[in-house]
Amino acid sequence: MVINEKHTKEKKTIMETNQKTHKLSNQALGSIMMALQESLLNELDIVPILRGFELVETTDGLMVSNPPTVRVSNEKKITEQDLLNMVK
């Protein structure tokens, strides 16, 4: 119950200061899911990928202008540097 009260107070504070809220577009959610899948499959940290995302505000919500790509034709193991390069 304490957590809900704290969350409600924080939400009211945001609304009172007229801060703009954003929602993720389906494309941004897909980009997060692709990054998560690659990180899990290769046992690598997802944080550098998410930090590298460049978000753009659209009418559909926030979109990732540099989504990760998935390599399917190469059997070579994907490294953490490969994942970092995906968001450059």
PDB file of N, CA and C in Angstrom:
ATOM      1  N   MET A   1       0.813  -1.195   0.000  1.00  0.00           N
ATOM      2  CA  MET A   1       0.000   0.000   0.000  1.00  0.00           C
ATOM      3  C   MET A   1       0.858   1.260   0.000  1.00  0.00           C
ATOM      4  N   VAL A   2       1.982   1.236   0.691  1.00  0.00           N
ATOM      5  CA  VAL A   2       2.860   2.393   0.749  1.00  0.00           C
ATOM      6  C   VAL A   2       3.406   2.721  -0.647  1.00  0.00           C
ATOM      7  N   ILE A   3       3.736   1.683  -1.417  1.00  0.00           N
ATOM      8  CA  ILE A   3       4.268   1.890  -2.766  1.00  0.00           C
ATOM      9  C   ILE A   3       3.235   2.609  -3.629  1.00  0.00           C
ATOM     10  N   ASN A   4       1.974   2.200  -3.552  1.00  0.00           N
ATOM     11  CA  ASN A   4       0.930   2.836  -4.345  1.00  0.00           C
ATOM     12  C   ASN A   4       0.753   4.296  -3.959  1.00  0.00           C
ATOM     13  N   GLU A   5       0.817   4.599  -2.669  1.00  0.00           N
ATOM     14  CA  GLU A   5       0.682   5.984  -2.230  1.00  0.00           C
ATOM     15  C   GLU A   5       1.839   6.824  -2.742  1.00  0.00           C
ATOM     16  N   LYS A   6       3.053   6.289  -2.700  1.00  0.00           N
ATOM     17  CA  LYS A   6       4.227   7.005  -3.188  1.00  0.00           C
ATOM     18  C   LYS A   6       4.104   7.251  -4.688  1.00  0.00           C
ATOM     19  N   HIS A   7       3.688   6.219  -5.441  1.00  0.00           N
ATOM     20  CA  HIS A   7       3.522   6.358  -6.882  1.00  0.00           C
ATOM     21  C   HIS A   7       2.479   7.426  -7.196  1.00  0.00           C
ATOM     22  N   THR A   8       1.371   7.442  -6.476  1.00  0.00           N
ATOM     23  CA  THR A   8       0.317   8.420  -6.691  1.00  0.00           C
ATOM     24  C   THR A   8       0.826   9.826  -6.425  1.00  0.00           C
ATOM     25  N   LYS A   9       1.597  10.008  -5.351  1.00  0.00           N
ATOM     26  CA  LYS A   9       2.155  11.327  -5.033  1.00  0.00           C
ATOM     27  C   LYS A   9       3.111  11.790  -6.120  1.00  0.00           C
ATOM     28  N   GLU A  10       3.966  10.882  -6.616  1.00  0.00           N
ATOM     29  CA  GLU A  10       4.902  11.238  -7.680  1.00  0.00           C
ATOM     30  C   GLU A  10       4.157  11.617  -8.954  1.00  0.00           C
ATOM     31  N   LYS A  11       3.093  10.887  -9.270  1.00  0.00           N
ATOM     32  CA  LYS A  11       2.315  11.179 -10.468  1.00  0.00           C
ATOM     33  C   LYS A  11       1.659  12.548 -10.359  1.00  0.00           C
ATOM     34  N   LYS A  12       1.122  12.870  -9.177  1.00  0.00           N
ATOM     35  CA  LYS A  12       0.515  14.179  -8.971  1.00  0.00           C
ATOM     36  C   LYS A  12       1.550  15.281  -9.121  1.00  0.00           C
ATOM     37  N   THR A  13       2.755  15.060  -8.593  1.00  0.00           N
ATOM     38  CA  THR A  13       3.816  16.054  -8.695  1.00  0.00           C
ATOM     39  C   THR A  13       4.165  16.313 -10.157  1.00  0.00           C
ATOM     40  N   ILE A  14       4.266  15.276 -10.952  1.00  0.00           N
ATOM     41  CA  ILE A  14       4.554  15.431 -12.384  1.00  0.00           C
ATOM     42  C   ILE A  14       3.441  16.217 -13.057  1.00  0.00           C
ATOM     43  N   MET A  15       2.202  15.889 -12.758  1.00  0.00           N
ATOM     44  CA  MET A  15       1.067  16.570 -13.373  1.00  0.00           C
ATOM     45  C   MET A  15       1.012  18.031 -12.935  1.00  0.00           C
ATOM     46  N   GLU A  16       1.360  18.310 -11.693  1.00  0.00           N
ATOM     47  CA  GLU A  16       1.305  19.675 -11.176  1.00  0.00           C
ATOM     48  C   GLU A  16       2.356  20.570 -11.817  1.00  0.00           C
ATOM     49  N   THR A  17       3.489  20.008 -12.224  1.00  0.00           N
ATOM     50  CA  THR A  17       4.561  20.810 -12.824  1.00  0.00           C
ATOM     51  C   THR A  17       4.429  20.895 -14.342  1.00  0.00           C
ATOM     52  N   ASN A  18       3.354  20.383 -14.894  1.00  0.00           N
ATOM     53  CA  ASN A  18       3.072  20.445 -16.329  1.00  0.00           C
ATOM     54  C   ASN A  18       4.165  19.808 -17.182  1.00  0.00           C
ATOM     55  N   GLN A  19       4.806  18.776 -16.683  1.00  0.00           N
ATOM     56  CA  GLN A  19       5.794  18.067 -17.480  1.00  0.00           C
ATOM     57  C   GLN A  19       5.073  17.221 -18.515  1.00  0.00           C
ATOM     58  N   LYS A  20       5.643  17.192 -19.706  1.00  0.00           N
ATOM     59  CA  LYS A  20       5.047  16.424 -20.791  1.00  0.00           C
ATOM     60  C   LYS A  20       5.411  14.954 -20.637  1.00  0.00           C
ATOM     61  N   THR A  21       4.443  14.089 -20.809  1.00  0.00           N
ATOM     62  CA  THR A  21       4.702  12.650 -20.745  1.00  0.00           C
ATOM     63  C   THR A  21       4.771  12.098 -22.172  1.00  0.00           C
ATOM     64  N   HIS A  22       5.431  10.968 -22.319  1.00  0.00           N
ATOM     65  CA  HIS A  22       5.592  10.341 -23.625  1.00  0.00           C
ATOM     66  C   HIS A  22       5.232   8.868 -23.527  1.00  0.00           C
ATOM     67  N   LYS A  23       4.780   8.315 -24.639  1.00  0.00           N
ATOM     68  CA  LYS A  23       4.533   6.883 -24.743  1.00  0.00           C
ATOM     69  C   LYS A  23       5.454   6.330 -25.810  1.00  0.00           C
ATOM     70  N   LEU A  24       5.768   5.053 -25.688  1.00  0.00           N
ATOM     71  CA  LEU A  24       6.599   4.396 -26.689  1.00  0.00           C
ATOM     72  C   LEU A  24       5.734   3.935 -27.853  1.00  0.00           C
ATOM     73  N   SER A  25       6.231   4.095 -29.052  1.00  0.00           N
ATOM     74  CA  SER A  25       5.538   3.586 -30.235  1.00  0.00           C
ATOM     75  C   SER A  25       5.751   2.076 -30.322  1.00  0.00           C
ATOM     76  N   ASN A  26       4.992   1.439 -31.175  1.00  0.00           N
ATOM     77  CA  ASN A  26       5.191   0.003 -31.406  1.00  0.00           C
ATOM     78  C   ASN A  26       6.593  -0.266 -31.943  1.00  0.00           C
ATOM     79  N   GLN A  27       7.104   0.646 -32.756  1.00  0.00           N
ATOM     80  CA  GLN A  27       8.447   0.490 -33.304  1.00  0.00           C
ATOM     81  C   GLN A  27       9.480   0.525 -32.189  1.00  0.00           C
ATOM     82  N   ALA A  28       9.325   1.438 -31.226  1.00  0.00           N
ATOM     83  CA  ALA A  28      10.262   1.531 -30.101  1.00  0.00           C
ATOM     84  C   ALA A  28      10.189   0.277 -29.231  1.00  0.00           C
ATOM     85  N   LEU A  29       8.992  -0.216 -29.001  1.00  0.00           N
ATOM     86  CA  LEU A  29       8.850  -1.454 -28.230  1.00  0.00           C
ATOM     87  C   LEU A  29       9.503  -2.623 -28.952  1.00  0.00           C
ATOM     88  N   GLY A  30       9.348  -2.668 -30.265  1.00  0.00           N
ATOM     89  CA  GLY A  30       9.995  -3.712 -31.055  1.00  0.00           C
ATOM     90  C   GLY A  30      11.515  -3.612 -30.976  1.00  0.00           C
ATOM     91  N   SER A  31      12.036  -2.388 -30.980  1.00  0.00           N
ATOM     92  CA  SER A  31      13.478  -2.181 -30.868  1.00  0.00           C
ATOM     93  C   SER A  31      13.994  -2.671 -29.518  1.00  0.00           C
ATOM     94  N   ILE A  32      13.234  -2.414 -28.471  1.00  0.00           N
ATOM     95  CA  ILE A  32      13.616  -2.884 -27.136  1.00  0.00           C
ATOM     96  C   ILE A  32      13.595  -4.410 -27.096  1.00  0.00           C
ATOM     97  N   MET A  33      12.570  -5.001 -27.694  1.00  0.00           N
ATOM     98  CA  MET A  33      12.473  -6.459 -27.703  1.00  0.00           C
ATOM     99  C   MET A  33      13.615  -7.086 -28.500  1.00  0.00           C
ATOM    100  N   MET A  34      14.003  -6.474 -29.619  1.00  0.00           N
ATOM    101  CA  MET A  34      15.118  -6.996 -30.403  1.00  0.00           C
ATOM    102  C   MET A  34      16.416  -6.910 -29.605  1.00  0.00           C
ATOM    103  N   ALA A  35      16.618  -5.788 -28.931  1.00  0.00           N
ATOM    104  CA  ALA A  35      17.828  -5.627 -28.124  1.00  0.00           C
ATOM    105  C   ALA A  35      17.843  -6.642 -26.987  1.00  0.00           C
ATOM    106  N   LEU A  36      16.698  -6.859 -26.361  1.00  0.00           N
ATOM    107  CA  LEU A  36      16.601  -7.823 -25.267  1.00  0.00           C
ATOM    108  C   LEU A  36      16.889  -9.235 -25.759  1.00  0.00           C
ATOM    109  N   GLN A  37      16.321  -9.590 -26.896  1.00  0.00           N
ATOM    110  CA  GLN A  37      16.535 -10.929 -27.443  1.00  0.00           C
ATOM    111  C   GLN A  37      18.015 -11.166 -27.750  1.00  0.00           C
ATOM    112  N   GLU A  38      18.655 -10.216 -28.395  1.00  0.00           N
ATOM    113  CA  GLU A  38      20.073 -10.355 -28.715  1.00  0.00           C
ATOM    114  C   GLU A  38      20.905 -10.457 -27.442  1.00  0.00           C
ATOM    115  N   SER A  39      20.580  -9.641 -26.454  1.00  0.00           N
ATOM    116  CA  SER A  39      21.334  -9.663 -25.200  1.00  0.00           C
ATOM    117  C   SER A  39      21.176 -10.990 -24.474  1.00  0.00           C
ATOM    118  N   LEU A  40      19.968 -11.508 -24.442  1.00  0.00           N
ATOM    119  CA  LEU A  40      19.728 -12.784 -23.764  1.00  0.00           C
ATOM    120  C   LEU A  40      20.399 -13.942 -24.491  1.00  0.00           C
ATOM    121  N   LEU A  41      20.272 -13.965 -25.813  1.00  0.00           N
ATOM    122  CA  LEU A  41      20.856 -15.056 -26.583  1.00  0.00           C
ATOM    123  C   LEU A  41      22.378 -15.089 -26.471  1.00  0.00           C
ATOM    124  N   ASN A  42      22.981 -13.930 -26.358  1.00  0.00           N
ATOM    125  CA  ASN A  42      24.439 -13.845 -26.318  1.00  0.00           C
ATOM    126  C   ASN A  42      24.986 -13.541 -24.931  1.00  0.00           C
ATOM    127  N   GLU A  43      24.098 -13.548 -23.934  1.00  0.00           N
ATOM    128  CA  GLU A  43      24.478 -13.318 -22.538  1.00  0.00           C
ATOM    129  C   GLU A  43      25.300 -12.041 -22.385  1.00  0.00           C
ATOM    130  N   LEU A  44      24.796 -10.957 -22.969  1.00  0.00           N
ATOM    131  CA  LEU A  44      25.461  -9.666 -22.909  1.00  0.00           C
ATOM    132  C   LEU A  44      24.553  -8.639 -22.240  1.00  0.00           C
ATOM    133  N   ASP A  45      25.159  -7.585 -21.742  1.00  0.00           N
ATOM    134  CA  ASP A  45      24.426  -6.526 -21.049  1.00  0.00           C
ATOM    135  C   ASP A  45      23.617  -5.702 -22.046  1.00  0.00           C
ATOM    136  N   ILE A  46      22.353  -5.466 -21.745  1.00  0.00           N
ATOM    137  CA  ILE A  46      21.473  -4.695 -22.630  1.00  0.00           C
ATOM    138  C   ILE A  46      21.602  -3.189 -22.403  1.00  0.00           C
ATOM    139  N   VAL A  47      22.116  -2.780 -21.256  1.00  0.00           N
ATOM    140  CA  VAL A  47      22.143  -1.363 -20.885  1.00  0.00           C
ATOM    141  C   VAL A  47      22.856  -0.487 -21.912  1.00  0.00           C
ATOM    142  N   PRO A  48      24.046  -0.857 -22.410  1.00  0.00           N
ATOM    143  CA  PRO A  48      24.692   0.006 -23.399  1.00  0.00           C
ATOM    144  C   PRO A  48      23.852   0.201 -24.669  1.00  0.00           C
ATOM    145  N   ILE A  49      23.110  -0.808 -25.055  1.00  0.00           N
ATOM    146  CA  ILE A  49      22.260  -0.691 -26.241  1.00  0.00           C
ATOM    147  C   ILE A  49      21.138   0.300 -25.981  1.00  0.00           C
ATOM    148  N   LEU A  50      20.466   0.138 -24.840  1.00  0.00           N
ATOM    149  CA  LEU A  50      19.355   1.035 -24.520  1.00  0.00           C
ATOM    150  C   LEU A  50      19.831   2.469 -24.359  1.00  0.00           C
ATOM    151  N   ARG A  51      20.985   2.662 -23.746  1.00  0.00           N
ATOM    152  CA  ARG A  51      21.533   4.017 -23.589  1.00  0.00           C
ATOM    153  C   ARG A  51      21.858   4.651 -24.933  1.00  0.00           C
ATOM    154  N   GLY A  52      22.199   3.829 -25.914  1.00  0.00           N
ATOM    155  CA  GLY A  52      22.545   4.343 -27.230  1.00  0.00           C
ATOM    156  C   GLY A  52      21.354   4.682 -28.098  1.00  0.00           C
ATOM    157  N   PHE A  53      20.158   4.280 -27.700  1.00  0.00           N
ATOM    158  CA  PHE A  53      18.971   4.576 -28.500  1.00  0.00           C
ATOM    159  C   PHE A  53      18.773   6.082 -28.626  1.00  0.00           C
ATOM    160  N   GLU A  54      18.510   6.525 -29.839  1.00  0.00           N
ATOM    161  CA  GLU A  54      18.164   7.914 -30.098  1.00  0.00           C
ATOM    162  C   GLU A  54      16.658   7.954 -30.347  1.00  0.00           C
ATOM    163  N   LEU A  55      15.939   8.646 -29.471  1.00  0.00           N
ATOM    164  CA  LEU A  55      14.480   8.673 -29.534  1.00  0.00           C
ATOM    165  C   LEU A  55      13.984   9.933 -30.236  1.00  0.00           C
ATOM    166  N   VAL A  56      12.960   9.750 -31.058  1.00  0.00           N
ATOM    167  CA  VAL A  56      12.355  10.844 -31.796  1.00  0.00           C
ATOM    168  C   VAL A  56      10.865  10.856 -31.470  1.00  0.00           C
ATOM    169  N   GLU A  57      10.341  12.039 -31.178  1.00  0.00           N
ATOM    170  CA  GLU A  57       8.917  12.161 -30.869  1.00  0.00           C
ATOM    171  C   GLU A  57       8.111  12.215 -32.170  1.00  0.00           C
ATOM    172  N   THR A  58       7.112  11.331 -32.273  1.00  0.00           N
ATOM    173  CA  THR A  58       6.220  11.306 -33.438  1.00  0.00           C
ATOM    174  C   THR A  58       4.781  11.275 -32.941  1.00  0.00           C
ATOM    175  N   THR A  59       3.848  11.344 -33.851  1.00  0.00           N
ATOM    176  CA  THR A  59       2.442  11.272 -33.455  1.00  0.00           C
ATOM    177  C   THR A  59       2.070   9.893 -32.923  1.00  0.00           C
ATOM    178  N   ASP A  60       2.846   8.868 -33.291  1.00  0.00           N
ATOM    179  CA  ASP A  60       2.605   7.506 -32.808  1.00  0.00           C
ATOM    180  C   ASP A  60       3.284   7.230 -31.473  1.00  0.00           C
ATOM    181  N   GLY A  61       4.064   8.173 -30.975  1.00  0.00           N
ATOM    182  CA  GLY A  61       4.832   7.994 -29.745  1.00  0.00           C
ATOM    183  C   GLY A  61       6.314   8.075 -30.062  1.00  0.00           C
ATOM    184  N   LEU A  62       7.132   7.828 -29.049  1.00  0.00           N
ATOM    185  CA  LEU A  62       8.565   7.879 -29.257  1.00  0.00           C
ATOM    186  C   LEU A  62       9.009   6.740 -30.156  1.00  0.00           C
ATOM    187  N   MET A  63       9.877   7.052 -31.118  1.00  0.00           N
ATOM    188  CA  MET A  63      10.429   6.036 -32.013  1.00  0.00           C
ATOM    189  C   MET A  63      11.946   6.039 -31.872  1.00  0.00           C
ATOM    190  N   VAL A  64      12.563   4.897 -32.135  1.00  0.00           N
ATOM    191  CA  VAL A  64      14.016   4.762 -32.080  1.00  0.00           C
ATOM    192  C   VAL A  64      14.549   5.004 -33.491  1.00  0.00           C
ATOM    193  N   SER A  65      15.369   6.056 -33.639  1.00  0.00           N
ATOM    194  CA  SER A  65      15.879   6.383 -34.971  1.00  0.00           C
ATOM    195  C   SER A  65      17.049   5.491 -35.374  1.00  0.00           C
ATOM    196  N   ASN A  66      17.624   4.788 -34.407  1.00  0.00           N
ATOM    197  CA  ASN A  66      18.746   3.881 -34.709  1.00  0.00           C
ATOM    198  C   ASN A  66      18.503   2.508 -34.076  1.00  0.00           C
ATOM    199  N   PRO A  67      17.440   1.806 -34.532  1.00  0.00           N
ATOM    200  CA  PRO A  67      17.115   0.512 -33.931  1.00  0.00           C
ATOM    201  C   PRO A  67      18.211  -0.525 -34.191  1.00  0.00           C
ATOM    202  N   PRO A  68      18.312  -1.513 -33.313  1.00  0.00           N
ATOM    203  CA  PRO A  68      19.315  -2.561 -33.527  1.00  0.00           C
ATOM    204  C   PRO A  68      18.939  -3.418 -34.730  1.00  0.00           C
ATOM    205  N   THR A  69      19.951  -3.978 -35.348  1.00  0.00           N
ATOM    206  CA  THR A  69      19.726  -4.894 -36.452  1.00  0.00           C
ATOM    207  C   THR A  69      20.093  -6.290 -35.986  1.00  0.00           C
ATOM    208  N   VAL A  70      19.516  -7.280 -36.613  1.00  0.00           N
ATOM    209  CA  VAL A  70      19.784  -8.659 -36.242  1.00  0.00           C
ATOM    210  C   VAL A  70      20.518  -9.327 -37.391  1.00  0.00           C
ATOM    211  N   ARG A  71      21.630  -9.936 -37.072  1.00  0.00           N
ATOM    212  CA  ARG A  71      22.446 -10.626 -38.071  1.00  0.00           C
ATOM    213  C   ARG A  71      21.931 -12.064 -38.174  1.00  0.00           C
ATOM    214  N   VAL A  72      21.541 -12.483 -39.378  1.00  0.00           N
ATOM    215  CA  VAL A  72      20.999 -13.830 -39.534  1.00  0.00           C
ATOM    216  C   VAL A  72      21.821 -14.720 -40.453  1.00  0.00           C
ATOM    217  N   SER A  73      22.709 -14.151 -41.259  1.00  0.00           N
ATOM    218  CA  SER A  73      23.414 -14.960 -42.239  1.00  0.00           C
ATOM    219  C   SER A  73      24.799 -15.408 -41.783  1.00  0.00           C
ATOM    220  N   ASN A  74      25.230 -14.981 -40.636  1.00  0.00           N
ATOM    221  CA  ASN A  74      26.578 -15.272 -40.175  1.00  0.00           C
ATOM    222  C   ASN A  74      26.508 -16.109 -38.902  1.00  0.00           C
ATOM    223  N   GLU A  75      27.238 -17.171 -38.820  1.00  0.00           N
ATOM    224  CA  GLU A  75      27.228 -18.051 -37.651  1.00  0.00           C
ATOM    225  C   GLU A  75      28.160 -17.560 -36.544  1.00  0.00           C
ATOM    226  N   LYS A  76      28.910 -16.495 -36.812  1.00  0.00           N
ATOM    227  CA  LYS A  76      29.848 -15.958 -35.844  1.00  0.00           C
ATOM    228  C   LYS A  76      29.088 -15.430 -34.619  1.00  0.00           C
ATOM    229  N   LYS A  77      29.607 -15.716 -33.424  1.00  0.00           N
ATOM    230  CA  LYS A  77      28.972 -15.265 -32.195  1.00  0.00           C
ATOM    231  C   LYS A  77      29.001 -13.744 -32.121  1.00  0.00           C
ATOM    232  N   ILE A  78      27.889 -13.154 -31.694  1.00  0.00           N
ATOM    233  CA  ILE A  78      27.796 -11.703 -31.560  1.00  0.00           C
ATOM    234  C   ILE A  78      28.456 -11.291 -30.260  1.00  0.00           C
ATOM    235  N   THR A  79      29.328 -10.297 -30.336  1.00  0.00           N
ATOM    236  CA  THR A  79      30.054  -9.811 -29.161  1.00  0.00           C
ATOM    237  C   THR A  79      29.365  -8.569 -28.602  1.00  0.00           C
ATOM    238  N   GLU A  80      29.779  -8.159 -27.420  1.00  0.00           N
ATOM    239  CA  GLU A  80      29.234  -6.938 -26.829  1.00  0.00           C
ATOM    240  C   GLU A  80      29.553  -5.731 -27.709  1.00  0.00           C
ATOM    241  N   GLN A  81      30.726  -5.727 -28.337  1.00  0.00           N
ATOM    242  CA  GLN A  81      31.072  -4.624 -29.240  1.00  0.00           C
ATOM    243  C   GLN A  81      30.138  -4.604 -30.443  1.00  0.00           C
ATOM    244  N   ASP A  82      29.749  -5.771 -30.947  1.00  0.00           N
ATOM    245  CA  ASP A  82      28.779  -5.831 -32.045  1.00  0.00           C
ATOM    246  C   ASP A  82      27.471  -5.161 -31.633  1.00  0.00           C
ATOM    247  N   LEU A  83      27.028  -5.433 -30.413  1.00  0.00           N
ATOM    248  CA  LEU A  83      25.783  -4.830 -29.941  1.00  0.00           C
ATOM    249  C   LEU A  83      25.911  -3.327 -29.814  1.00  0.00           C
ATOM    250  N   LEU A  84      27.055  -2.861 -29.321  1.00  0.00           N
ATOM    251  CA  LEU A  84      27.276  -1.424 -29.224  1.00  0.00           C
ATOM    252  C   LEU A  84      27.274  -0.788 -30.616  1.00  0.00           C
ATOM    253  N   ASN A  85      27.856  -1.481 -31.585  1.00  0.00           N
ATOM    254  CA  ASN A  85      27.892  -0.954 -32.951  1.00  0.00           C
ATOM    255  C   ASN A  85      26.512  -0.890 -33.580  1.00  0.00           C
ATOM    256  N   MET A  86      25.574  -1.704 -33.096  1.00  0.00           N
ATOM    257  CA  MET A  86      24.226  -1.706 -33.647  1.00  0.00           C
ATOM    258  C   MET A  86      23.509  -0.376 -33.431  1.00  0.00           C
ATOM    259  N   VAL A  87      23.887   0.357 -32.392  1.00  0.00           N
ATOM    260  CA  VAL A  87      23.184   1.597 -32.083  1.00  0.00           C
ATOM    261  C   VAL A  87      23.957   2.828 -32.524  1.00  0.00           C
ATOM    262  N   LYS A  88      25.080   2.631 -33.184  1.00  0.00           N
ATOM    263  CA  LYS A  88      25.860   3.791 -33.681  1.00  0.00           C
ATOM    264  C   LYS A  88      25.323   4.261 -34.993  1.00  0.00           C
TER     265      LYS A  88
END
